[in-house]
Amino acid sequence: MFISPPVTSPLSQTCTMASLSLYLGLLVLCTLALVHCDLNDGPIRVYDIRASNLKGRLLSKPDPYVKVWCGSSHGKSSILKKQANPTWPDQFNFVNILPNSVLTLQVWDDVIGPDRYMGTCSTTICPGTHTEICQLKMSTVYYTYSYSH
């Protein structure tokens, strides 16, 4: 008795190849997602940002605000009018921050025309909750951050 091999049509071969391509594509996407997501990435919260002795132009008080960066994430605080010793109500929450990223705060004075740069504070983040004190030319900036990874 002779048994003939199964007959496969070009259509069934095309469907099989399409299925294999789909599974292979999903496998590649899942692998890329795992490579992209560092399991050590974590959230950071920056809060309780305040300053003392900020100087405005001439005899006026400044209208200060803060720009905050960590990794590729960034934010901007509210502008506090006529405040030499501001406490900003804003807090910043950034996700997927890598260990040893740099947290940077810049203080600016909102003025007519280009805003006036007042100074920068930077620190390399580490796990836990930390209160930082940063000396600018004639003023001081205080802020707290919490980082977990």
Protein backbone atom coordinates (compact mmCIF):
# COMPACT_ATOMS: atom_id res chain seq x y z
CA MET A 1 0.00 0.00 0.00
CA PHE A 2 1.34 3.38 -1.00
CA ILE A 3 0.65 6.45 1.13
CA SER A 4 1.02 9.73 -0.61
CA PRO A 5 2.34 12.77 1.23
CA PRO A 6 -0.22 15.37 2.22
CA VAL A 7 -1.00 17.86 -0.46
CA THR A 8 -0.38 21.46 0.52
CA SER A 9 -1.76 24.27 -1.49
CA PRO A 10 0.04 27.57 -2.01
CA LEU A 11 -2.71 29.23 0.07
CA SER A 12 -2.08 27.02 3.12
CA GLN A 13 1.68 27.63 2.84
CA THR A 14 1.04 31.38 2.74
CA CYS A 15 -1.19 31.18 5.85
CA THR A 16 1.44 29.15 7.70
CA MET A 17 4.17 31.65 6.79
CA ALA A 18 1.94 34.55 7.86
CA SER A 19 1.28 32.89 11.23
CA LEU A 20 4.99 32.27 11.77
CA SER A 21 5.78 35.86 10.82
CA LEU A 22 3.18 37.13 13.27
CA TYR A 23 4.58 35.03 16.13
CA LEU A 24 8.14 36.05 15.27
CA GLY A 25 7.09 39.72 15.18
CA LEU A 26 5.43 39.44 18.60
CA LEU A 27 8.52 37.75 20.01
CA VAL A 28 10.73 40.58 18.72
CA LEU A 29 8.39 43.26 20.15
CA CYS A 30 8.29 41.60 23.56
CA THR A 31 12.07 41.29 23.61
CA LEU A 32 12.50 44.95 22.68
CA ALA A 33 10.06 45.97 25.41
CA LEU A 34 12.05 44.03 28.00
CA VAL A 35 15.33 45.52 26.84
CA HIS A 36 13.87 49.05 26.90
CA CYS A 37 12.42 48.73 30.41
CA ASP A 38 15.21 48.81 32.95
CA LEU A 39 13.85 47.10 36.05
CA ASN A 40 15.85 49.58 38.14
CA ASP A 41 13.98 52.61 36.77
CA GLY A 42 11.91 54.33 39.41
CA PRO A 43 9.80 57.34 40.25
CA ILE A 44 11.12 60.56 41.75
CA ARG A 45 9.09 63.21 43.55
CA VAL A 46 10.47 66.74 44.00
CA TYR A 47 8.63 68.92 46.51
CA ASP A 48 8.91 71.54 49.28
CA ILE A 49 10.84 73.86 46.98
CA ARG A 50 11.60 77.21 48.56
CA ALA A 51 14.18 79.97 48.44
CA SER A 52 15.40 82.77 50.64
CA ASN A 53 16.82 86.19 49.90
CA LEU A 54 16.09 86.26 46.15
CA LYS A 55 16.90 89.66 44.65
CA GLY A 56 14.78 91.39 42.03
CA ARG A 57 15.89 94.10 39.62
CA LEU A 58 16.76 97.42 41.22
CA LEU A 59 14.58 97.80 44.32
CA SER A 60 11.75 95.47 43.27
CA LYS A 61 11.06 91.98 44.55
CA PRO A 62 11.36 89.14 42.01
CA ASP A 63 8.55 87.12 40.44
CA PRO A 64 10.34 83.77 40.74
CA TYR A 65 9.63 80.37 39.27
CA VAL A 66 11.58 77.12 39.04
CA LYS A 67 12.35 74.81 36.12
CA VAL A 68 13.01 71.20 37.16
CA TRP A 69 14.71 68.42 35.15
CA CYS A 70 15.55 64.82 35.90
CA GLY A 71 16.67 62.58 33.06
CA SER A 72 14.56 63.53 30.06
CA SER A 73 11.60 64.64 32.23
CA HIS A 74 11.02 68.29 33.04
CA GLY A 75 8.52 70.69 34.55
CA LYS A 76 7.97 74.32 35.50
CA SER A 77 6.53 75.72 38.73
CA SER A 78 3.99 78.45 39.14
CA ILE A 79 5.21 82.06 39.15
CA LEU A 80 5.03 83.69 42.58
CA LYS A 81 4.59 87.45 42.33
CA LYS A 82 6.84 89.76 44.37
CA GLN A 83 8.41 87.05 46.53
CA ALA A 84 11.95 87.34 47.87
CA ASN A 85 11.39 84.27 50.07
CA PRO A 86 9.07 82.03 48.03
CA THR A 87 7.69 78.61 48.87
CA TRP A 88 6.30 77.00 45.73
CA PRO A 89 3.16 74.87 46.17
CA ASP A 90 4.16 72.74 43.17
CA GLN A 91 5.52 69.22 43.31
CA PHE A 92 6.97 67.27 40.42
CA ASN A 93 6.55 63.55 39.85
CA PHE A 94 8.73 61.95 37.19
CA VAL A 95 8.68 58.24 36.31
CA ASN A 96 11.20 55.83 34.79
CA ILE A 97 14.19 57.71 36.18
CA LEU A 98 17.47 55.81 36.06
CA PRO A 99 19.70 55.53 39.13
CA ASN A 100 22.44 58.18 39.26
CA SER A 101 20.44 60.60 37.09
CA VAL A 102 21.02 64.29 37.73
CA LEU A 103 18.22 66.36 39.27
CA THR A 104 18.50 70.02 38.22
CA LEU A 105 16.53 73.05 39.41
CA GLN A 106 16.89 76.47 37.80
CA VAL A 107 15.48 79.60 39.41
CA TRP A 108 14.18 82.34 37.11
CA ASP A 109 12.65 85.80 37.57
CA ASP A 110 9.59 86.42 35.36
CA VAL A 111 10.21 89.85 33.85
CA ILE A 112 9.10 91.78 30.77
CA GLY A 113 11.24 90.55 27.90
CA PRO A 114 13.55 87.58 28.39
CA ASP A 115 13.25 86.14 31.90
CA ARG A 116 16.19 86.70 34.23
CA TYR A 117 18.25 83.65 35.20
CA MET A 118 18.99 83.54 38.93
CA GLY A 119 20.88 80.28 39.40
CA THR A 120 21.06 76.49 39.16
CA CYS A 121 21.07 73.66 41.69
CA SER A 122 22.06 70.12 40.68
CA THR A 123 22.48 66.84 42.51
CA THR A 124 22.98 63.23 41.51
CA ILE A 125 19.98 61.33 42.85
CA CYS A 126 20.19 58.36 45.16
CA PRO A 127 17.46 56.23 46.76
CA GLY A 128 15.59 57.59 49.76
CA THR A 129 14.29 60.99 50.81
CA HIS A 130 16.76 63.87 50.82
CA THR A 131 16.53 67.57 51.63
CA GLU A 132 19.03 69.62 49.66
CA ILE A 133 20.40 73.09 50.33
CA CYS A 134 21.85 74.98 47.38
CA GLN A 135 23.72 78.28 47.57
CA LEU A 136 23.22 80.68 44.68
CA LYS A 137 25.15 83.98 44.45
CA MET A 138 23.31 85.80 47.21
CA SER A 139 20.39 83.49 47.96
CA THR A 140 19.64 79.93 49.02
CA VAL A 141 17.35 77.28 47.52
CA TYR A 142 15.95 74.37 49.53
CA TYR A 143 14.13 71.34 48.12
CA THR A 144 13.30 67.77 48.98
CA TYR A 145 13.22 64.76 46.70
CA SER A 146 12.21 61.14 47.19
CA TYR A 147 13.52 58.46 44.86
CA SER A 148 12.81 54.75 44.89
CA HIS A 149 14.00 52.18 42.39
